[in-house]
Amino acid sequence: MTSFFTLATLILFLTLSSSSYSSACNNIDLKALLVFKNSFPSTPFPTWTTSKDCCSWDNVACDSSTGRVTSLSFFGNQVENPSVGLNGSIPTSIGGVTALESITFSSLSSLVGTIPPQLSKLKNLKTLILYSTKVSGPVPSFLSALPALEQITLANNMLVGTIPSSLGNLPNLNYIDLSGNQLHGAIPPSLFTKTKDKLPTFFVGGNKLTGEIPRSFGNVGFYNIDFHNNQLTGDALFLFGKSKPLAQITLAGNKLSFDLSHVEYPVLNLGYVDISHNQIYGTISNQITEVPNLGLFDVSYNKLCGKIPSGGNFGQFGTQSFEQNKCLCGTPLPACK
């Protein structure tokens, strides 16, 4: 009697579970993915066959309760990954997978063309990663029509043009990486102005950006900033602040010019400061020694003067961190006269 009751309970549980759990791929997504596959005729998609649930295909992830495809991920840096040979442009059919929350194309040197406007149909998209490909054209302004976007990584591609100011309209966007492209023009002051209760990361190093860093960024609680190797000018003092959450700031290789003497360095998270190869003047404030987790500090190739602070963990930095300034002195440089 007991065993029968247990068996009946198990059957009831499985019946209820099967009614609330679906592993079958949504038919709309299935059709769109098959069109996507056929856009790359020379690329092996061995698991992409109608004899299998598309939620079990390589490079695909689904919501277990709805069967909707929520993620597509293609990596070219893994020998065993079938997407290594992904040749051609991003198929427009990707816009038909309307429940997508995450898209990744990474380290795919044969991926070319522009970013298709059909991405604007993906209203649930939170993460867009196109990293180290041959994708070209502009950073699309239509990305601002995707209200759920939290991360845009378009680094190490062949993108040209300017950064769309309309990206500042995205309330959830807290991570932008546009580094390693050929972008020019000014950084839009609208970026991150609607981002609340976040710790934004903004990487635009290795481009051709000009003009001044927007003053509005002084009101943004950045966690990571990397503007290296551009042609930025003017002040950056407002990016610092003792109580700010900043963990990394990289401004090296620009034409920035401001007085470093009165900078208050963030003490909570700061671990990395590289402001080398600019035209920064003044002295290095002793307050820097209060930063407990500082692992890199590079002010070389500027116009700084005065005695290098000592104390804290500041003794770990060698000559290369301070060389080629106007008149810095003290350990690890020659003693002050």
Foldseek 3Di string as FASTA:
>chain_A
DVVVVVVVVVVVVVVVVPVQWDQAADPLLLVLVVVQVVVQVPFDQPQSDPVDRCCPGPQWHADGRPNQTAGGEAELPDPPGRNVQVAEERDLSVLSSQNYAEYYDEQHARYEEEDDLSVLSNQNHAYYYDYQYAYEEADDLSVLSRQNHAEDHNEQYAYEEEDDLSCLNRQRHAEYAHANYAYEEEDHLSHPPNHPPHAHAYHHAHYAYEEEDDPSCLVHLHQYYAHEQYAYEEDDLSNADQQGNYAEYHHYNYAYEDEQAPRQHHQPHHAYDHHAHYAYEHEHYLNVLNRQRHNYAAHYQYAYADEDHDHRPVLVDQPRRHYNYNHYADPPHHHDD
